[in-house]
Amino acid sequence: MSRYAPTIHTDPADIAALEALLPQLKGQTQVEITLDDGSRLLGTVAVQPTVQQYRDADENEGSNGQLRLDDLDTPAQQHVLWLDRIRAVRSLPPIEPTTAG
């Protein structure tokens, strides 16, 4: 069974841009993601994404990837984002756990 993506990429420069995001999206890293529509999300990368092969609606094959981001304010809420929608990644400092005293 093939997996489908809304957008696939076959141009080597586009694929390289997707792959360039991966080192910034290591598992358990807290990040701010800016998307192509200008919206921003704060969260924890659940698992480092990979660039994989998908098909589009016309059955063309190409590359894309998905990022699962656990919301920073509501960790039970998950965002699943296509890598090609990400315009910027900013690492956030780790949040120190609070201790009751």
PDB file of N, CA and C in Angstrom:
ATOM      1  N   MET A   1       0.842  -1.176   0.000  1.00  0.00           N
ATOM      2  CA  MET A   1       0.000   0.000   0.000  1.00  0.00           C
ATOM      3  C   MET A   1       0.890   1.243   0.000  1.00  0.00           C
ATOM      4  N   SER A   2       0.598   2.146  -0.910  1.00  0.00           N
ATOM      5  CA  SER A   2       1.384   3.376  -1.005  1.00  0.00           C
ATOM      6  C   SER A   2       0.856   4.423  -0.048  1.00  0.00           C
ATOM      7  N   ARG A   3       1.735   5.304   0.341  1.00  0.00           N
ATOM      8  CA  ARG A   3       1.348   6.441   1.165  1.00  0.00           C
ATOM      9  C   ARG A   3       1.204   7.653   0.261  1.00  0.00           C
ATOM     10  N   TYR A   4       0.277   8.514   0.608  1.00  0.00           N
ATOM     11  CA  TYR A   4      -0.005   9.692  -0.205  1.00  0.00           C
ATOM     12  C   TYR A   4       0.317  10.963   0.557  1.00  0.00           C
ATOM     13  N   ALA A   5       0.782  11.965  -0.175  1.00  0.00           N
ATOM     14  CA  ALA A   5       1.092  13.285   0.382  1.00  0.00           C
ATOM     15  C   ALA A   5       0.402  14.329  -0.489  1.00  0.00           C
ATOM     16  N   PRO A   6       0.006  15.452   0.097  1.00  0.00           N
ATOM     17  CA  PRO A   6      -0.615  16.501  -0.704  1.00  0.00           C
ATOM     18  C   PRO A   6       0.342  17.100  -1.726  1.00  0.00           C
ATOM     19  N   THR A   7       1.636  17.100  -1.395  1.00  0.00           N
ATOM     20  CA  THR A   7       2.665  17.620  -2.296  1.00  0.00           C
ATOM     21  C   THR A   7       3.868  16.690  -2.233  1.00  0.00           C
ATOM     22  N   ILE A   8       4.409  16.358  -3.405  1.00  0.00           N
ATOM     23  CA  ILE A   8       5.637  15.565  -3.458  1.00  0.00           C
ATOM     24  C   ILE A   8       6.693  16.374  -4.194  1.00  0.00           C
ATOM     25  N   HIS A   9       7.941  16.020  -3.939  1.00  0.00           N
ATOM     26  CA  HIS A   9       9.055  16.768  -4.537  1.00  0.00           C
ATOM     27  C   HIS A   9       9.989  15.805  -5.252  1.00  0.00           C
ATOM     28  N   THR A  10      10.386  16.198  -6.471  1.00  0.00           N
ATOM     29  CA  THR A  10      11.323  15.388  -7.260  1.00  0.00           C
ATOM     30  C   THR A  10      12.593  16.160  -7.601  1.00  0.00           C
ATOM     31  N   ASP A  11      12.548  17.492  -7.460  1.00  0.00           N
ATOM     32  CA  ASP A  11      13.718  18.311  -7.766  1.00  0.00           C
ATOM     33  C   ASP A  11      14.770  18.097  -6.672  1.00  0.00           C
ATOM     34  N   PRO A  12      16.018  17.800  -7.058  1.00  0.00           N
ATOM     35  CA  PRO A  12      17.060  17.556  -6.044  1.00  0.00           C
ATOM     36  C   PRO A  12      17.237  18.702  -5.045  1.00  0.00           C
ATOM     37  N   ALA A  13      17.077  19.951  -5.477  1.00  0.00           N
ATOM     38  CA  ALA A  13      17.230  21.085  -4.556  1.00  0.00           C
ATOM     39  C   ALA A  13      16.106  21.094  -3.519  1.00  0.00           C
ATOM     40  N   ASP A  14      14.888  20.763  -3.941  1.00  0.00           N
ATOM     41  CA  ASP A  14      13.763  20.713  -2.995  1.00  0.00           C
ATOM     42  C   ASP A  14      13.952  19.589  -1.985  1.00  0.00           C
ATOM     43  N   ILE A  15      14.425  18.444  -2.462  1.00  0.00           N
ATOM     44  CA  ILE A  15      14.660  17.309  -1.566  1.00  0.00           C
ATOM     45  C   ILE A  15      15.786  17.639  -0.587  1.00  0.00           C
ATOM     46  N   ALA A  16      16.818  18.306  -1.071  1.00  0.00           N
ATOM     47  CA  ALA A  16      17.925  18.716  -0.192  1.00  0.00           C
ATOM     48  C   ALA A  16      17.429  19.679   0.885  1.00  0.00           C
ATOM     49  N   ALA A  17      16.499  20.560   0.539  1.00  0.00           N
ATOM     50  CA  ALA A  17      15.937  21.497   1.525  1.00  0.00           C
ATOM     51  C   ALA A  17      15.168  20.740   2.607  1.00  0.00           C
ATOM     52  N   LEU A  18      14.428  19.707   2.215  1.00  0.00           N
ATOM     53  CA  LEU A  18      13.718  18.885   3.207  1.00  0.00           C
ATOM     54  C   LEU A  18      14.721  18.189   4.118  1.00  0.00           C
ATOM     55  N   GLU A  19      15.759  17.615   3.525  1.00  0.00           N
ATOM     56  CA  GLU A  19      16.772  16.901   4.313  1.00  0.00           C
ATOM     57  C   GLU A  19      17.545  17.835   5.239  1.00  0.00           C
ATOM     58  N   ALA A  20      17.684  19.097   4.853  1.00  0.00           N
ATOM     59  CA  ALA A  20      18.404  20.067   5.688  1.00  0.00           C
ATOM     60  C   ALA A  20      17.653  20.362   6.982  1.00  0.00           C
ATOM     61  N   LEU A  21      16.348  20.129   7.011  1.00  0.00           N
ATOM     62  CA  LEU A  21      15.565  20.345   8.228  1.00  0.00           C
ATOM     63  C   LEU A  21      15.831  19.265   9.283  1.00  0.00           C
ATOM     64  N   LEU A  22      16.175  18.076   8.842  1.00  0.00           N
ATOM     65  CA  LEU A  22      16.229  16.925   9.747  1.00  0.00           C
ATOM     66  C   LEU A  22      17.148  17.097  10.948  1.00  0.00           C
ATOM     67  N   PRO A  23      18.375  17.637  10.799  1.00  0.00           N
ATOM     68  CA  PRO A  23      19.238  17.795  11.985  1.00  0.00           C
ATOM     69  C   PRO A  23      18.667  18.755  13.040  1.00  0.00           C
ATOM     70  N   GLN A  24      17.768  19.639  12.618  1.00  0.00           N
ATOM     71  CA  GLN A  24      17.159  20.592  13.554  1.00  0.00           C
ATOM     72  C   GLN A  24      15.968  19.982  14.283  1.00  0.00           C
ATOM     73  N   LEU A  25      15.556  18.783  13.867  1.00  0.00           N
ATOM     74  CA  LEU A  25      14.339  18.167  14.385  1.00  0.00           C
ATOM     75  C   LEU A  25      14.630  16.827  15.057  1.00  0.00           C
ATOM     76  N   LYS A  26      15.632  16.830  15.906  1.00  0.00           N
ATOM     77  CA  LYS A  26      15.981  15.607  16.638  1.00  0.00           C
ATOM     78  C   LYS A  26      14.898  15.290  17.667  1.00  0.00           C
ATOM     79  N   GLY A  27      14.704  14.017  17.923  1.00  0.00           N
ATOM     80  CA  GLY A  27      13.696  13.583  18.881  1.00  0.00           C
ATOM     81  C   GLY A  27      13.871  14.233  20.245  1.00  0.00           C
ATOM     82  N   GLN A  28      12.765  14.619  20.849  1.00  0.00           N
ATOM     83  CA  GLN A  28      12.675  15.227  22.172  1.00  0.00           C
ATOM     84  C   GLN A  28      13.223  16.647  22.240  1.00  0.00           C
ATOM     85  N   THR A  29      13.508  17.266  21.096  1.00  0.00           N
ATOM     86  CA  THR A  29      13.950  18.654  21.054  1.00  0.00           C
ATOM     87  C   THR A  29      12.729  19.571  21.108  1.00  0.00           C
ATOM     88  N   GLN A  30      12.818  20.624  21.895  1.00  0.00           N
ATOM     89  CA  GLN A  30      11.730  21.607  21.951  1.00  0.00           C
ATOM     90  C   GLN A  30      12.030  22.701  20.941  1.00  0.00           C
ATOM     91  N   VAL A  31      11.037  22.972  20.079  1.00  0.00           N
ATOM     92  CA  VAL A  31      11.246  23.886  18.963  1.00  0.00           C
ATOM     93  C   VAL A  31      10.041  24.801  18.752  1.00  0.00           C
ATOM     94  N   GLU A  32      10.327  25.888  18.042  1.00  0.00           N
ATOM     95  CA  GLU A  32       9.270  26.727  17.488  1.00  0.00           C
ATOM     96  C   GLU A  32       9.334  26.517  15.981  1.00  0.00           C
ATOM     97  N   ILE A  33       8.215  26.140  15.395  1.00  0.00           N
ATOM     98  CA  ILE A  33       8.128  25.886  13.956  1.00  0.00           C
ATOM     99  C   ILE A  33       7.336  27.022  13.320  1.00  0.00           C
ATOM    100  N   THR A  34       7.873  27.616  12.262  1.00  0.00           N
ATOM    101  CA  THR A  34       7.135  28.585  11.460  1.00  0.00           C
ATOM    102  C   THR A  34       6.736  27.894  10.169  1.00  0.00           C
ATOM    103  N   LEU A  35       5.438  27.948   9.856  1.00  0.00           N
ATOM    104  CA  LEU A  35       4.916  27.288   8.660  1.00  0.00           C
ATOM    105  C   LEU A  35       4.802  28.258   7.498  1.00  0.00           C
ATOM    106  N   ASP A  36       4.532  27.704   6.322  1.00  0.00           N
ATOM    107  CA  ASP A  36       4.461  28.505   5.103  1.00  0.00           C
ATOM    108  C   ASP A  36       3.334  29.536   5.111  1.00  0.00           C
ATOM    109  N   ASP A  37       2.341  29.370   5.979  1.00  0.00           N
ATOM    110  CA  ASP A  37       1.265  30.362   6.081  1.00  0.00           C
ATOM    111  C   ASP A  37       1.557  31.419   7.149  1.00  0.00           C
ATOM    112  N   GLY A  38       2.752  31.357   7.756  1.00  0.00           N
ATOM    113  CA  GLY A  38       3.146  32.326   8.772  1.00  0.00           C
ATOM    114  C   GLY A  38       2.788  31.920  10.191  1.00  0.00           C
ATOM    115  N   SER A  39       1.986  30.865  10.346  1.00  0.00           N
ATOM    116  CA  SER A  39       1.621  30.433  11.698  1.00  0.00           C
ATOM    117  C   SER A  39       2.823  29.784  12.378  1.00  0.00           C
ATOM    118  N   ARG A  40       2.778  29.778  13.713  1.00  0.00           N
ATOM    119  CA  ARG A  40       3.874  29.216  14.507  1.00  0.00           C
ATOM    120  C   ARG A  40       3.313  28.220  15.506  1.00  0.00           C
ATOM    121  N   LEU A  41       4.098  27.185  15.736  1.00  0.00           N
ATOM    122  CA  LEU A  41       3.745  26.168  16.718  1.00  0.00           C
ATOM    123  C   LEU A  41       4.936  25.947  17.636  1.00  0.00           C
ATOM    124  N   LEU A  42       4.668  25.772  18.922  1.00  0.00           N
ATOM    125  CA  LEU A  42       5.693  25.433  19.906  1.00  0.00           C
ATOM    126  C   LEU A  42       5.444  23.998  20.332  1.00  0.00           C
ATOM    127  N   GLY A  43       6.504  23.196  20.329  1.00  0.00           N
ATOM    128  CA  GLY A  43       6.289  21.822  20.732  1.00  0.00           C
ATOM    129  C   GLY A  43       7.573  21.046  20.889  1.00  0.00           C
ATOM    130  N   THR A  44       7.387  19.771  21.211  1.00  0.00           N
ATOM    131  CA  THR A  44       8.486  18.830  21.370  1.00  0.00           C
ATOM    132  C   THR A  44       8.429  17.837  20.222  1.00  0.00           C
ATOM    133  N   VAL A  45       9.550  17.662  19.534  1.00  0.00           N
ATOM    134  CA  VAL A  45       9.628  16.698  18.445  1.00  0.00           C
ATOM    135  C   VAL A  45       9.501  15.308  19.060  1.00  0.00           C
ATOM    136  N   ALA A  46       8.474  14.564  18.658  1.00  0.00           N
ATOM    137  CA  ALA A  46       8.259  13.232  19.231  1.00  0.00           C
ATOM    138  C   ALA A  46       9.340  12.265  18.759  1.00  0.00           C
ATOM    139  N   VAL A  47       9.575  12.217  17.453  1.00  0.00           N
ATOM    140  CA  VAL A  47      10.574  11.342  16.839  1.00  0.00           C
ATOM    141  C   VAL A  47      11.153  12.098  15.658  1.00  0.00           C
ATOM    142  N   GLN A  48      12.458  12.031  15.466  1.00  0.00           N
ATOM    143  CA  GLN A  48      13.065  12.735  14.333  1.00  0.00           C
ATOM    144  C   GLN A  48      12.442  12.220  13.035  1.00  0.00           C
ATOM    145  N   PRO A  49      11.949  13.138  12.194  1.00  0.00           N
ATOM    146  CA  PRO A  49      11.328  12.718  10.939  1.00  0.00           C
ATOM    147  C   PRO A  49      12.375  12.257   9.927  1.00  0.00           C
ATOM    148  N   THR A  50      11.903  11.624   8.874  1.00  0.00           N
ATOM    149  CA  THR A  50      12.749  11.223   7.756  1.00  0.00           C
ATOM    150  C   THR A  50      12.064  11.647   6.462  1.00  0.00           C
ATOM    151  N   VAL A  51      12.861  11.813   5.432  1.00  0.00           N
ATOM    152  CA  VAL A  51      12.313  12.078   4.101  1.00  0.00           C
ATOM    153  C   VAL A  51      12.033  10.715   3.478  1.00  0.00           C
ATOM    154  N   GLN A  52      10.800  10.553   2.989  1.00  0.00           N
ATOM    155  CA  GLN A  52      10.382   9.268   2.449  1.00  0.00           C
ATOM    156  C   GLN A  52       9.702   9.459   1.098  1.00  0.00           C
ATOM    157  N   GLN A  53       9.404   8.345   0.446  1.00  0.00           N
ATOM    158  CA  GLN A  53       8.715   8.375  -0.838  1.00  0.00           C
ATOM    159  C   GLN A  53       7.208   8.319  -0.618  1.00  0.00           C
ATOM    160  N   TYR A  54       6.498   9.175  -1.345  1.00  0.00           N
ATOM    161  CA  TYR A  54       5.041   9.235  -1.306  1.00  0.00           C
ATOM    162  C   TYR A  54       4.531   9.353  -2.731  1.00  0.00           C
ATOM    163  N   ARG A  55       3.219   9.226  -2.877  1.00  0.00           N
ATOM    164  CA  ARG A  55       2.557   9.478  -4.154  1.00  0.00           C
ATOM    165  C   ARG A  55       1.604  10.653  -3.958  1.00  0.00           C
ATOM    166  N   ASP A  56       1.400  11.405  -5.050  1.00  0.00           N
ATOM    167  CA  ASP A  56       0.406  12.484  -4.991  1.00  0.00           C
ATOM    168  C   ASP A  56      -0.910  11.975  -5.570  1.00  0.00           C
ATOM    169  N   ALA A  57      -1.897  12.840  -5.685  1.00  0.00           N
ATOM    170  CA  ALA A  57      -3.227  12.451  -6.164  1.00  0.00           C
ATOM    171  C   ALA A  57      -3.190  11.923  -7.597  1.00  0.00           C
ATOM    172  N   ASP A  58      -2.177  12.306  -8.371  1.00  0.00           N
ATOM    173  CA  ASP A  58      -2.040  11.847  -9.757  1.00  0.00           C
ATOM    174  C   ASP A  58      -1.148  10.615  -9.876  1.00  0.00           C
ATOM    175  N   GLU A  59      -0.811  10.020  -8.725  1.00  0.00           N
ATOM    176  CA  GLU A  59       0.023   8.816  -8.668  1.00  0.00           C
ATOM    177  C   GLU A  59       1.483   9.050  -9.036  1.00  0.00           C
ATOM    178  N   ASN A  60       1.928  10.313  -9.063  1.00  0.00           N
ATOM    179  CA  ASN A  60       3.349  10.605  -9.264  1.00  0.00           C
ATOM    180  C   ASN A  60       4.079  10.313  -7.964  1.00  0.00           C
ATOM    181  N   GLU A  61       5.302   9.796  -8.069  1.00  0.00           N
ATOM    182  CA  GLU A  61       6.077   9.479  -6.875  1.00  0.00           C
ATOM    183  C   GLU A  61       7.133  10.550  -6.633  1.00  0.00           C
ATOM    184  N   GLY A  62       7.315  10.902  -5.361  1.00  0.00           N
ATOM    185  CA  GLY A  62       8.316  11.881  -4.989  1.00  0.00           C
ATOM    186  C   GLY A  62       8.540  11.860  -3.492  1.00  0.00           C
ATOM    187  N   SER A  63       9.275  12.836  -3.012  1.00  0.00           N
ATOM    188  CA  SER A  63       9.696  12.859  -1.607  1.00  0.00           C
ATOM    189  C   SER A  63       8.941  13.900  -0.790  1.00  0.00           C
ATOM    190  N   ASN A  64       8.782  13.601   0.473  1.00  0.00           N
ATOM    191  CA  ASN A  64       8.269  14.519   1.484  1.00  0.00           C
ATOM    192  C   ASN A  64       8.499  13.814   2.816  1.00  0.00           C
ATOM    193  N   GLY A  65       7.986  14.353   3.881  1.00  0.00           N
ATOM    194  CA  GLY A  65       8.117  13.722   5.184  1.00  0.00           C
ATOM    195  C   GLY A  65       7.146  14.356   6.154  1.00  0.00           C
ATOM    196  N   GLN A  66       6.936  13.684   7.269  1.00  0.00           N
ATOM    197  CA  GLN A  66       6.025  14.208   8.281  1.00  0.00           C
ATOM    198  C   GLN A  66       6.736  14.335   9.622  1.00  0.00           C
ATOM    199  N   LEU A  67       6.388  15.408  10.316  1.00  0.00           N
ATOM    200  CA  LEU A  67       6.898  15.681  11.652  1.00  0.00           C
ATOM    201  C   LEU A  67       5.741  15.552  12.625  1.00  0.00           C
ATOM    202  N   ARG A  68       5.937  14.761  13.684  1.00  0.00           N
ATOM    203  CA  ARG A  68       4.960  14.732  14.774  1.00  0.00           C
ATOM    204  C   ARG A  68       5.495  15.611  15.887  1.00  0.00           C
ATOM    205  N   LEU A  69       4.733  16.644  16.209  1.00  0.00           N
ATOM    206  CA  LEU A  69       5.122  17.627  17.212  1.00  0.00           C
ATOM    207  C   LEU A  69       4.103  17.600  18.339  1.00  0.00           C
ATOM    208  N   ASP A  70       4.566  17.303  19.556  1.00  0.00           N
ATOM    209  CA  ASP A  70       3.694  17.343  20.728  1.00  0.00           C
ATOM    210  C   ASP A  70       3.619  18.783  21.204  1.00  0.00           C
ATOM    211  N   ASP A  71       2.411  19.318  21.300  1.00  0.00           N
ATOM    212  CA  ASP A  71       2.212  20.711  21.669  1.00  0.00           C
ATOM    213  C   ASP A  71       2.887  21.018  23.005  1.00  0.00           C
ATOM    214  N   LEU A  72       3.565  22.158  23.086  1.00  0.00           N
ATOM    215  CA  LEU A  72       4.315  22.505  24.295  1.00  0.00           C
ATOM    216  C   LEU A  72       3.384  22.802  25.469  1.00  0.00           C
ATOM    217  N   ASP A  73       2.269  23.479  25.213  1.00  0.00           N
ATOM    218  CA  ASP A  73       1.344  23.822  26.294  1.00  0.00           C
ATOM    219  C   ASP A  73       0.402  22.675  26.643  1.00  0.00           C
ATOM    220  N   THR A  74       0.046  21.867  25.655  1.00  0.00           N
ATOM    221  CA  THR A  74      -0.868  20.746  25.858  1.00  0.00           C
ATOM    222  C   THR A  74      -0.238  19.509  25.226  1.00  0.00           C
ATOM    223  N   PRO A  75       0.685  18.836  25.931  1.00  0.00           N
ATOM    224  CA  PRO A  75       1.434  17.728  25.342  1.00  0.00           C
ATOM    225  C   PRO A  75       0.570  16.608  24.762  1.00  0.00           C
ATOM    226  N   ALA A  76      -0.650  16.443  25.256  1.00  0.00           N
ATOM    227  CA  ALA A  76      -1.521  15.397  24.709  1.00  0.00           C
ATOM    228  C   ALA A  76      -1.982  15.739  23.295  1.00  0.00           C
ATOM    229  N   GLN A  77      -1.892  17.016  22.926  1.00  0.00           N
ATOM    230  CA  GLN A  77      -2.270  17.439  21.580  1.00  0.00           C
ATOM    231  C   GLN A  77      -1.068  17.274  20.654  1.00  0.00           C
ATOM    232  N   GLN A  78      -1.286  16.589  19.555  1.00  0.00           N
ATOM    233  CA  GLN A  78      -0.209  16.354  18.606  1.00  0.00           C
ATOM    234  C   GLN A  78      -0.506  17.071  17.291  1.00  0.00           C
ATOM    235  N   HIS A  79       0.546  17.599  16.691  1.00  0.00           N
ATOM    236  CA  HIS A  79       0.456  18.217  15.369  1.00  0.00           C
ATOM    237  C   HIS A  79       1.259  17.329  14.420  1.00  0.00           C
ATOM    238  N   VAL A  80       0.672  16.988  13.293  1.00  0.00           N
ATOM    239  CA  VAL A  80       1.391  16.235  12.269  1.00  0.00           C
ATOM    240  C   VAL A  80       1.557  17.180  11.088  1.00  0.00           C
ATOM    241  N   LEU A  81       2.810  17.511  10.788  1.00  0.00           N
ATOM    242  CA  LEU A  81       3.123  18.535   9.790  1.00  0.00           C
ATOM    243  C   LEU A  81       3.922  17.933   8.643  1.00  0.00           C
ATOM    244  N   TRP A  82       3.615  18.357   7.429  1.00  0.00           N
ATOM    245  CA  TRP A  82       4.431  17.984   6.274  1.00  0.00           C
ATOM    246  C   TRP A  82       5.697  18.819   6.289  1.00  0.00           C
ATOM    247  N   LEU A  83       6.831  18.193   6.047  1.00  0.00           N
ATOM    248  CA  LEU A  83       8.111  18.902   6.100  1.00  0.00           C
ATOM    249  C   LEU A  83       8.162  20.077   5.121  1.00  0.00           C
ATOM    250  N   ASP A  84       7.538  19.944   3.957  1.00  0.00           N
ATOM    251  CA  ASP A  84       7.628  21.025   2.967  1.00  0.00           C
ATOM    252  C   ASP A  84       6.842  22.271   3.361  1.00  0.00           C
ATOM    253  N   ARG A  85       6.058  22.193   4.419  1.00  0.00           N
ATOM    254  CA  ARG A  85       5.345  23.375   4.922  1.00  0.00           C
ATOM    255  C   ARG A  85       6.186  24.166   5.921  1.00  0.00           C
ATOM    256  N   ILE A  86       7.271  23.580   6.420  1.00  0.00           N
ATOM    257  CA  ILE A  86       8.106  24.228   7.439  1.00  0.00           C
ATOM    258  C   ILE A  86       9.038  25.235   6.773  1.00  0.00           C
ATOM    259  N   ARG A  87       8.968  26.484   7.243  1.00  0.00           N
ATOM    260  CA  ARG A  87       9.840  27.533   6.713  1.00  0.00           C
ATOM    261  C   ARG A  87      10.996  27.853   7.645  1.00  0.00           C
ATOM    262  N   ALA A  88      10.810  27.626   8.950  1.00  0.00           N
ATOM    263  CA  ALA A  88      11.881  27.916   9.906  1.00  0.00           C
ATOM    264  C   ALA A  88      11.705  27.043  11.143  1.00  0.00           C
ATOM    265  N   VAL A  89      12.857  26.690  11.731  1.00  0.00           N
ATOM    266  CA  VAL A  89      12.883  25.935  12.983  1.00  0.00           C
ATOM    267  C   VAL A  89      13.791  26.695  13.934  1.00  0.00           C
ATOM    268  N   ARG A  90      13.277  26.960  15.134  1.00  0.00           N
ATOM    269  CA  ARG A  90      14.097  27.616  16.158  1.00  0.00           C
ATOM    270  C   ARG A  90      14.088  26.738  17.395  1.00  0.00           C
ATOM    271  N   SER A  91      15.287  26.371  17.863  1.00  0.00           N
ATOM    272  CA  SER A  91      15.387  25.566  19.079  1.00  0.00           C
ATOM    273  C   SER A  91      15.013  26.407  20.284  1.00  0.00           C
ATOM    274  N   LEU A  92      14.297  25.801  21.200  1.00  0.00           N
ATOM    275  CA  LEU A  92      13.908  26.462  22.441  1.00  0.00           C
ATOM    276  C   LEU A  92      14.744  25.906  23.583  1.00  0.00           C
ATOM    277  N   PRO A  93      15.029  26.737  24.586  1.00  0.00           N
ATOM    278  CA  PRO A  93      15.754  26.197  25.742  1.00  0.00           C
ATOM    279  C   PRO A  93      14.869  25.179  26.455  1.00  0.00           C
ATOM    280  N   PRO A  94      15.464  24.140  27.002  1.00  0.00           N
ATOM    281  CA  PRO A  94      14.660  23.133  27.722  1.00  0.00           C
ATOM    282  C   PRO A  94      13.933  23.768  28.901  1.00  0.00           C
ATOM    283  N   ILE A  95      12.742  23.314  29.118  1.00  0.00           N
ATOM    284  CA  ILE A  95      11.960  23.782  30.272  1.00  0.00           C
ATOM    285  C   ILE A  95      12.384  22.971  31.480  1.00  0.00           C
ATOM    286  N   GLU A  96      12.770  23.682  32.521  1.00  0.00           N
ATOM    287  CA  GLU A  96      13.183  23.003  33.751  1.00  0.00           C
ATOM    288  C   GLU A  96      11.947  22.501  34.493  1.00  0.00           C
ATOM    289  N   PRO A  97      11.978  21.254  34.944  1.00  0.00           N
ATOM    290  CA  PRO A  97      10.838  20.765  35.714  1.00  0.00           C
ATOM    291  C   PRO A  97      10.730  21.517  37.036  1.00  0.00           C
ATOM    292  N   THR A  98       9.500  21.789  37.421  1.00  0.00           N
ATOM    293  CA  THR A  98       9.283  22.478  38.697  1.00  0.00           C
ATOM    294  C   THR A  98       9.190  21.433  39.801  1.00  0.00           C
ATOM    295  N   THR A  99       9.698  21.811  40.954  1.00  0.00           N
ATOM    296  CA  THR A  99       9.631  20.911  42.105  1.00  0.00           C
ATOM    297  C   THR A  99       8.847  21.589  43.209  1.00  0.00           C
ATOM    298  N   ALA A 100       7.998  20.832  43.826  1.00  0.00           N
ATOM    299  CA  ALA A 100       7.222  21.356  44.947  1.00  0.00           C
ATOM    300  C   ALA A 100       8.089  21.319  46.202  1.00  0.00           C
ATOM    301  N   GLY A 101       8.065  22.364  46.958  1.00  0.00           N
ATOM    302  CA  GLY A 101       8.943  22.412  48.113  1.00  0.00           C
ATOM    303  C   GLY A 101       8.254  22.531  49.334  1.00  0.00           C
TER     304      GLY A 101
END
